[in-house]
Amino acid sequence: DLLGPGYAVLVRSQAVATAVEDRLRPYGRVVEIPDGVLDHLLVAEGAIVVRPDRYVAAVAEDPEQLGEVLPEVLPPTR
């Protein structure tokens, strides 16, 4: 329920969430993950892109890398 029906980008940092929110809005949502959850997968400035079928589409280590992978994994712009 937390991820919603579309794409989800899991982040730890509010700055990363803000950087990707507008780009993701037509396709899904940004979900901030608290410390202690997914620590082995999610670095402080990183993100995990989850497809609507709940498979991981990409993992980014920083906002720059996230900006590079989002166009590759999201559907073409409407």
PDB file of N, CA and C in Angstrom:
ATOM      1  N   ASP A   1       0.820  -1.199   0.000  1.00  0.00           N
ATOM      2  CA  ASP A   1       0.000   0.000   0.000  1.00  0.00           C
ATOM      3  C   ASP A   1       0.859   1.256   0.000  1.00  0.00           C
ATOM      4  N   LEU A   2       1.974   1.192   0.709  1.00  0.00           N
ATOM      5  CA  LEU A   2       2.864   2.350   0.812  1.00  0.00           C
ATOM      6  C   LEU A   2       3.436   2.751  -0.544  1.00  0.00           C
ATOM      7  N   LEU A   3       3.728   1.773  -1.393  1.00  0.00           N
ATOM      8  CA  LEU A   3       4.338   2.065  -2.689  1.00  0.00           C
ATOM      9  C   LEU A   3       3.333   2.544  -3.728  1.00  0.00           C
ATOM     10  N   GLY A   4       2.062   2.221  -3.567  1.00  0.00           N
ATOM     11  CA  GLY A   4       1.063   2.614  -4.544  1.00  0.00           C
ATOM     12  C   GLY A   4       1.090   1.703  -5.760  1.00  0.00           C
ATOM     13  N   PRO A   5       0.236   1.969  -6.747  1.00  0.00           N
ATOM     14  CA  PRO A   5       0.101   1.068  -7.887  1.00  0.00           C
ATOM     15  C   PRO A   5       1.136   1.269  -8.999  1.00  0.00           C
ATOM     16  N   GLY A   6       1.809   2.393  -9.037  1.00  0.00           N
ATOM     17  CA  GLY A   6       2.744   2.682 -10.125  1.00  0.00           C
ATOM     18  C   GLY A   6       4.182   2.425  -9.732  1.00  0.00           C
ATOM     19  N   TYR A   7       5.070   3.159 -10.379  1.00  0.00           N
ATOM     20  CA  TYR A   7       6.490   3.097 -10.035  1.00  0.00           C
ATOM     21  C   TYR A   7       6.695   3.716  -8.658  1.00  0.00           C
ATOM     22  N   ALA A   8       7.729   3.267  -7.973  1.00  0.00           N
ATOM     23  CA  ALA A   8       8.099   3.854  -6.682  1.00  0.00           C
ATOM     24  C   ALA A   8       9.612   4.042  -6.665  1.00  0.00           C
ATOM     25  N   VAL A   9      10.033   5.153  -6.123  1.00  0.00           N
ATOM     26  CA  VAL A   9      11.457   5.392  -5.925  1.00  0.00           C
ATOM     27  C   VAL A   9      11.680   5.489  -4.422  1.00  0.00           C
ATOM     28  N   LEU A  10      12.441   4.551  -3.889  1.00  0.00           N
ATOM     29  CA  LEU A  10      12.728   4.503  -2.462  1.00  0.00           C
ATOM     30  C   LEU A  10      13.986   5.311  -2.199  1.00  0.00           C
ATOM     31  N   VAL A  11      13.898   6.254  -1.274  1.00  0.00           N
ATOM     32  CA  VAL A  11      15.030   7.124  -0.944  1.00  0.00           C
ATOM     33  C   VAL A  11      15.134   7.271   0.561  1.00  0.00           C
ATOM     34  N   ARG A  12      16.280   7.734   1.018  1.00  0.00           N
ATOM     35  CA  ARG A  12      16.489   8.062   2.431  1.00  0.00           C
ATOM     36  C   ARG A  12      16.528   9.565   2.640  1.00  0.00           C
ATOM     37  N   SER A  13      16.959  10.277   1.632  1.00  0.00           N
ATOM     38  CA  SER A  13      17.227  11.703   1.751  1.00  0.00           C
ATOM     39  C   SER A  13      16.084  12.546   1.182  1.00  0.00           C
ATOM     40  N   GLN A  14      15.673  13.547   1.925  1.00  0.00           N
ATOM     41  CA  GLN A  14      14.653  14.485   1.446  1.00  0.00           C
ATOM     42  C   GLN A  14      15.143  15.213   0.201  1.00  0.00           C
ATOM     43  N   ALA A  15      16.426  15.502   0.122  1.00  0.00           N
ATOM     44  CA  ALA A  15      16.985  16.188  -1.053  1.00  0.00           C
ATOM     45  C   ALA A  15      16.834  15.326  -2.301  1.00  0.00           C
ATOM     46  N   VAL A  16      17.064  14.042  -2.190  1.00  0.00           N
ATOM     47  CA  VAL A  16      16.896  13.135  -3.332  1.00  0.00           C
ATOM     48  C   VAL A  16      15.417  13.047  -3.693  1.00  0.00           C
ATOM     49  N   ALA A  17      14.554  12.976  -2.698  1.00  0.00           N
ATOM     50  CA  ALA A  17      13.109  12.923  -2.945  1.00  0.00           C
ATOM     51  C   ALA A  17      12.653  14.160  -3.711  1.00  0.00           C
ATOM     52  N   THR A  18      13.092  15.322  -3.280  1.00  0.00           N
ATOM     53  CA  THR A  18      12.714  16.568  -3.942  1.00  0.00           C
ATOM     54  C   THR A  18      13.222  16.615  -5.376  1.00  0.00           C
ATOM     55  N   ALA A  19      14.425  16.103  -5.606  1.00  0.00           N
ATOM     56  CA  ALA A  19      15.027  16.144  -6.935  1.00  0.00           C
ATOM     57  C   ALA A  19      14.269  15.291  -7.948  1.00  0.00           C
ATOM     58  N   VAL A  20      13.601  14.250  -7.498  1.00  0.00           N
ATOM     59  CA  VAL A  20      12.971  13.314  -8.431  1.00  0.00           C
ATOM     60  C   VAL A  20      11.439  13.388  -8.437  1.00  0.00           C
ATOM     61  N   GLU A  21      10.844  14.052  -7.480  1.00  0.00           N
ATOM     62  CA  GLU A  21       9.387  14.066  -7.335  1.00  0.00           C
ATOM     63  C   GLU A  21       8.652  14.499  -8.592  1.00  0.00           C
ATOM     64  N   ASP A  22       9.030  15.613  -9.171  1.00  0.00           N
ATOM     65  CA  ASP A  22       8.317  16.123 -10.352  1.00  0.00           C
ATOM     66  C   ASP A  22       8.429  15.177 -11.540  1.00  0.00           C
ATOM     67  N   ARG A  23       9.613  14.622 -11.736  1.00  0.00           N
ATOM     68  CA  ARG A  23       9.838  13.696 -12.856  1.00  0.00           C
ATOM     69  C   ARG A  23       9.013  12.422 -12.691  1.00  0.00           C
ATOM     70  N   LEU A  24       8.844  11.961 -11.465  1.00  0.00           N
ATOM     71  CA  LEU A  24       8.161  10.701 -11.205  1.00  0.00           C
ATOM     72  C   LEU A  24       6.646  10.844 -11.089  1.00  0.00           C
ATOM     73  N   ARG A  25       6.167  12.029 -10.787  1.00  0.00           N
ATOM     74  CA  ARG A  25       4.744  12.246 -10.473  1.00  0.00           C
ATOM     75  C   ARG A  25       3.776  11.582 -11.463  1.00  0.00           C
ATOM     76  N   PRO A  26       3.968  11.665 -12.780  1.00  0.00           N
ATOM     77  CA  PRO A  26       2.991  11.015 -13.673  1.00  0.00           C
ATOM     78  C   PRO A  26       2.997   9.491 -13.605  1.00  0.00           C
ATOM     79  N   TYR A  27       4.036   8.909 -13.047  1.00  0.00           N
ATOM     80  CA  TYR A  27       4.205   7.455 -13.086  1.00  0.00           C
ATOM     81  C   TYR A  27       4.077   6.770 -11.743  1.00  0.00           C
ATOM     82  N   GLY A  28       4.255   7.494 -10.664  1.00  0.00           N
ATOM     83  CA  GLY A  28       4.231   6.860  -9.347  1.00  0.00           C
ATOM     84  C   GLY A  28       4.599   7.833  -8.252  1.00  0.00           C
ATOM     85  N   ARG A  29       5.300   7.337  -7.238  1.00  0.00           N
ATOM     86  CA  ARG A  29       5.599   8.192  -6.085  1.00  0.00           C
ATOM     87  C   ARG A  29       6.989   7.931  -5.516  1.00  0.00           C
ATOM     88  N   VAL A  30       7.444   8.902  -4.741  1.00  0.00           N
ATOM     89  CA  VAL A  30       8.695   8.792  -4.008  1.00  0.00           C
ATOM     90  C   VAL A  30       8.344   8.385  -2.579  1.00  0.00           C
ATOM     91  N   VAL A  31       9.056   7.395  -2.055  1.00  0.00           N
ATOM     92  CA  VAL A  31       8.802   6.902  -0.700  1.00  0.00           C
ATOM     93  C   VAL A  31      10.092   7.042   0.094  1.00  0.00           C
ATOM     94  N   GLU A  32      10.023   7.814   1.172  1.00  0.00           N
ATOM     95  CA  GLU A  32      11.192   7.960   2.041  1.00  0.00           C
ATOM     96  C   GLU A  32      11.250   6.776   3.005  1.00  0.00           C
ATOM     97  N   ILE A  33      12.410   6.113   3.030  1.00  0.00           N
ATOM     98  CA  ILE A  33      12.625   4.934   3.849  1.00  0.00           C
ATOM     99  C   ILE A  33      13.418   5.343   5.097  1.00  0.00           C
ATOM    100  N   PRO A  34      12.953   4.973   6.283  1.00  0.00           N
ATOM    101  CA  PRO A  34      13.680   5.349   7.505  1.00  0.00           C
ATOM    102  C   PRO A  34      14.994   4.586   7.656  1.00  0.00           C
ATOM    103  N   ASP A  35      15.901   5.167   8.406  1.00  0.00           N
ATOM    104  CA  ASP A  35      17.155   4.478   8.726  1.00  0.00           C
ATOM    105  C   ASP A  35      16.836   3.143   9.382  1.00  0.00           C
ATOM    106  N   GLY A  36      17.664   2.155   9.086  1.00  0.00           N
ATOM    107  CA  GLY A  36      17.469   0.832   9.653  1.00  0.00           C
ATOM    108  C   GLY A  36      16.683  -0.102   8.751  1.00  0.00           C
ATOM    109  N   VAL A  37      16.039   0.443   7.720  1.00  0.00           N
ATOM    110  CA  VAL A  37      15.284  -0.368   6.776  1.00  0.00           C
ATOM    111  C   VAL A  37      16.037  -0.359   5.450  1.00  0.00           C
ATOM    112  N   LEU A  38      16.325  -1.513   4.919  1.00  0.00           N
ATOM    113  CA  LEU A  38      17.048  -1.664   3.646  1.00  0.00           C
ATOM    114  C   LEU A  38      18.450  -1.062   3.677  1.00  0.00           C
ATOM    115  N   ASP A  39      19.045  -0.991   4.865  1.00  0.00           N
ATOM    116  CA  ASP A  39      20.389  -0.411   4.981  1.00  0.00           C
ATOM    117  C   ASP A  39      21.404  -1.119   4.093  1.00  0.00           C
ATOM    118  N   HIS A  40      21.234  -2.399   3.882  1.00  0.00           N
ATOM    119  CA  HIS A  40      22.176  -3.163   3.062  1.00  0.00           C
ATOM    120  C   HIS A  40      22.024  -2.868   1.567  1.00  0.00           C
ATOM    121  N   LEU A  41      20.952  -2.205   1.175  1.00  0.00           N
ATOM    122  CA  LEU A  41      20.718  -1.897  -0.236  1.00  0.00           C
ATOM    123  C   LEU A  41      20.706  -0.408  -0.563  1.00  0.00           C
ATOM    124  N   LEU A  42      20.345   0.412   0.383  1.00  0.00           N
ATOM    125  CA  LEU A  42      20.086   1.827   0.105  1.00  0.00           C
ATOM    126  C   LEU A  42      21.072   2.718   0.842  1.00  0.00           C
ATOM    127  N   VAL A  43      21.985   3.346   0.094  1.00  0.00           N
ATOM    128  CA  VAL A  43      22.941   4.271   0.701  1.00  0.00           C
ATOM    129  C   VAL A  43      22.259   5.614   0.952  1.00  0.00           C
ATOM    130  N   ALA A  44      22.878   6.464   1.745  1.00  0.00           N
ATOM    131  CA  ALA A  44      22.264   7.713   2.208  1.00  0.00           C
ATOM    132  C   ALA A  44      21.721   8.591   1.086  1.00  0.00           C
ATOM    133  N   GLU A  45      22.466   8.777   0.018  1.00  0.00           N
ATOM    134  CA  GLU A  45      22.027   9.641  -1.083  1.00  0.00           C
ATOM    135  C   GLU A  45      21.540   8.839  -2.288  1.00  0.00           C
ATOM    136  N   GLY A  46      21.309   7.544  -2.095  1.00  0.00           N
ATOM    137  CA  GLY A  46      20.926   6.669  -3.191  1.00  0.00           C
ATOM    138  C   GLY A  46      19.427   6.519  -3.329  1.00  0.00           C
ATOM    139  N   ALA A  47      19.040   5.662  -4.277  1.00  0.00           N
ATOM    140  CA  ALA A  47      17.630   5.403  -4.538  1.00  0.00           C
ATOM    141  C   ALA A  47      17.478   4.022  -5.150  1.00  0.00           C
ATOM    142  N   ILE A  48      16.312   3.431  -4.930  1.00  0.00           N
ATOM    143  CA  ILE A  48      15.942   2.166  -5.553  1.00  0.00           C
ATOM    144  C   ILE A  48      14.667   2.438  -6.339  1.00  0.00           C
ATOM    145  N   VAL A  49      14.695   2.139  -7.636  1.00  0.00           N
ATOM    146  CA  VAL A  49      13.523   2.317  -8.498  1.00  0.00           C
ATOM    147  C   VAL A  49      12.809   0.978  -8.590  1.00  0.00           C
ATOM    148  N   VAL A  50      11.528   0.971  -8.207  1.00  0.00           N
ATOM    149  CA  VAL A  50      10.729  -0.245  -8.192  1.00  0.00           C
ATOM    150  C   VAL A  50       9.628  -0.116  -9.241  1.00  0.00           C
ATOM    151  N   ARG A  51       9.529  -1.120 -10.110  1.00  0.00           N
ATOM    152  CA  ARG A  51       8.501  -1.113 -11.156  1.00  0.00           C
ATOM    153  C   ARG A  51       7.126  -1.406 -10.553  1.00  0.00           C
ATOM    154  N   PRO A  52       6.055  -1.153 -11.313  1.00  0.00           N
ATOM    155  CA  PRO A  52       4.703  -1.448 -10.805  1.00  0.00           C
ATOM    156  C   PRO A  52       4.491  -2.919 -10.457  1.00  0.00           C
ATOM    157  N   ASP A  53       5.235  -3.841 -11.109  1.00  0.00           N
ATOM    158  CA  ASP A  53       5.103  -5.258 -10.770  1.00  0.00           C
ATOM    159  C   ASP A  53       5.975  -5.642  -9.573  1.00  0.00           C
ATOM    160  N   ARG A  54       6.605  -4.651  -8.950  1.00  0.00           N
ATOM    161  CA  ARG A  54       7.407  -4.738  -7.734  1.00  0.00           C
ATOM    162  C   ARG A  54       8.776  -5.377  -7.928  1.00  0.00           C
ATOM    163  N   TYR A  55       9.240  -5.452  -9.160  1.00  0.00           N
ATOM    164  CA  TYR A  55      10.632  -5.825  -9.413  1.00  0.00           C
ATOM    165  C   TYR A  55      11.494  -4.577  -9.351  1.00  0.00           C
ATOM    166  N   VAL A  56      12.719  -4.729  -8.908  1.00  0.00           N
ATOM    167  CA  VAL A  56      13.646  -3.590  -8.862  1.00  0.00           C
ATOM    168  C   VAL A  56      14.123  -3.309 -10.282  1.00  0.00           C
ATOM    169  N   ALA A  57      13.902  -2.080 -10.736  1.00  0.00           N
ATOM    170  CA  ALA A  57      14.295  -1.674 -12.084  1.00  0.00           C
ATOM    171  C   ALA A  57      15.708  -1.112 -12.097  1.00  0.00           C
ATOM    172  N   ALA A  58      16.111  -0.445 -11.008  1.00  0.00           N
ATOM    173  CA  ALA A  58      17.442   0.172 -10.959  1.00  0.00           C
ATOM    174  C   ALA A  58      17.788   0.531  -9.528  1.00  0.00           C
ATOM    175  N   VAL A  59      19.088   0.606  -9.285  1.00  0.00           N
ATOM    176  CA  VAL A  59      19.604   1.089  -8.010  1.00  0.00           C
ATOM    177  C   VAL A  59      20.621   2.168  -8.338  1.00  0.00           C
ATOM    178  N   ALA A  60      20.468   3.327  -7.717  1.00  0.00           N
ATOM    179  CA  ALA A  60      21.375   4.454  -7.953  1.00  0.00           C
ATOM    180  C   ALA A  60      22.069   4.818  -6.647  1.00  0.00           C
ATOM    181  N   GLU A  61      23.338   5.208  -6.757  1.00  0.00           N
ATOM    182  CA  GLU A  61      24.105   5.565  -5.565  1.00  0.00           C
ATOM    183  C   GLU A  61      24.014   7.043  -5.206  1.00  0.00           C
ATOM    184  N   ASP A  62      23.541   7.869  -6.152  1.00  0.00           N
ATOM    185  CA  ASP A  62      23.436   9.310  -5.890  1.00  0.00           C
ATOM    186  C   ASP A  62      22.412   9.920  -6.838  1.00  0.00           C
ATOM    187  N   PRO A  63      22.004  11.179  -6.591  1.00  0.00           N
ATOM    188  CA  PRO A  63      20.985  11.809  -7.432  1.00  0.00           C
ATOM    189  C   PRO A  63      21.380  11.902  -8.914  1.00  0.00           C
ATOM    190  N   GLU A  64      22.659  12.105  -9.181  1.00  0.00           N
ATOM    191  CA  GLU A  64      23.105  12.199 -10.576  1.00  0.00           C
ATOM    192  C   GLU A  64      22.867  10.874 -11.304  1.00  0.00           C
ATOM    193  N   GLN A  65      23.248   9.789 -10.684  1.00  0.00           N
ATOM    194  CA  GLN A  65      23.045   8.479 -11.293  1.00  0.00           C
ATOM    195  C   GLN A  65      21.555   8.175 -11.429  1.00  0.00           C
ATOM    196  N   LEU A  66      20.754   8.586 -10.462  1.00  0.00           N
ATOM    197  CA  LEU A  66      19.311   8.397 -10.536  1.00  0.00           C
ATOM    198  C   LEU A  66      18.742   9.140 -11.735  1.00  0.00           C
ATOM    199  N   GLY A  67      19.206  10.368 -11.968  1.00  0.00           N
ATOM    200  CA  GLY A  67      18.760  11.140 -13.122  1.00  0.00           C
ATOM    201  C   GLY A  67      19.100  10.462 -14.438  1.00  0.00           C
ATOM    202  N   GLU A  68      20.180   9.706 -14.464  1.00  0.00           N
ATOM    203  CA  GLU A  68      20.584   8.982 -15.671  1.00  0.00           C
ATOM    204  C   GLU A  68      19.740   7.732 -15.903  1.00  0.00           C
ATOM    205  N   VAL A  69      19.361   7.028 -14.831  1.00  0.00           N
ATOM    206  CA  VAL A  69      18.634   5.768 -15.006  1.00  0.00           C
ATOM    207  C   VAL A  69      17.133   5.941 -15.169  1.00  0.00           C
ATOM    208  N   LEU A  70      16.563   7.013 -14.613  1.00  0.00           N
ATOM    209  CA  LEU A  70      15.107   7.177 -14.701  1.00  0.00           C
ATOM    210  C   LEU A  70      14.603   7.177 -16.139  1.00  0.00           C
ATOM    211  N   PRO A  71      15.208   7.913 -17.071  1.00  0.00           N
ATOM    212  CA  PRO A  71      14.696   7.871 -18.451  1.00  0.00           C
ATOM    213  C   PRO A  71      14.776   6.480 -19.070  1.00  0.00           C
ATOM    214  N   GLU A  72      15.694   5.665 -18.593  1.00  0.00           N
ATOM    215  CA  GLU A  72      15.837   4.315 -19.134  1.00  0.00           C
ATOM    216  C   GLU A  72      14.775   3.349 -18.624  1.00  0.00           C
ATOM    217  N   VAL A  73      14.272   3.580 -17.414  1.00  0.00           N
ATOM    218  CA  VAL A  73      13.339   2.620 -16.822  1.00  0.00           C
ATOM    219  C   VAL A  73      11.876   3.081 -16.839  1.00  0.00           C
ATOM    220  N   LEU A  74      11.637   4.384 -16.900  1.00  0.00           N
ATOM    221  CA  LEU A  74      10.259   4.877 -16.942  1.00  0.00           C
ATOM    222  C   LEU A  74       9.727   4.808 -18.362  1.00  0.00           C
ATOM    223  N   PRO A  75       8.407   4.714 -18.522  1.00  0.00           N
ATOM    224  CA  PRO A  75       7.821   4.739 -19.863  1.00  0.00           C
ATOM    225  C   PRO A  75       8.141   6.066 -20.556  1.00  0.00           C
ATOM    226  N   PRO A  76       8.061   6.103 -21.887  1.00  0.00           N
ATOM    227  CA  PRO A  76       8.310   7.369 -22.601  1.00  0.00           C
ATOM    228  C   PRO A  76       7.387   8.476 -22.094  1.00  0.00           C
ATOM    229  N   THR A  77       7.874   9.700 -22.142  1.00  0.00           N
ATOM    230  CA  THR A  77       7.076  10.849 -21.688  1.00  0.00           C
ATOM    231  C   THR A  77       5.783  10.936 -22.469  1.00  0.00           C
ATOM    232  N   ARG A  78       4.727  11.202 -21.751  1.00  0.00           N
ATOM    233  CA  ARG A  78       3.392  11.286 -22.369  1.00  0.00           C
ATOM    234  C   ARG A  78       3.193  12.578 -23.073  1.00  0.00           C
TER     235      ARG A  78
END
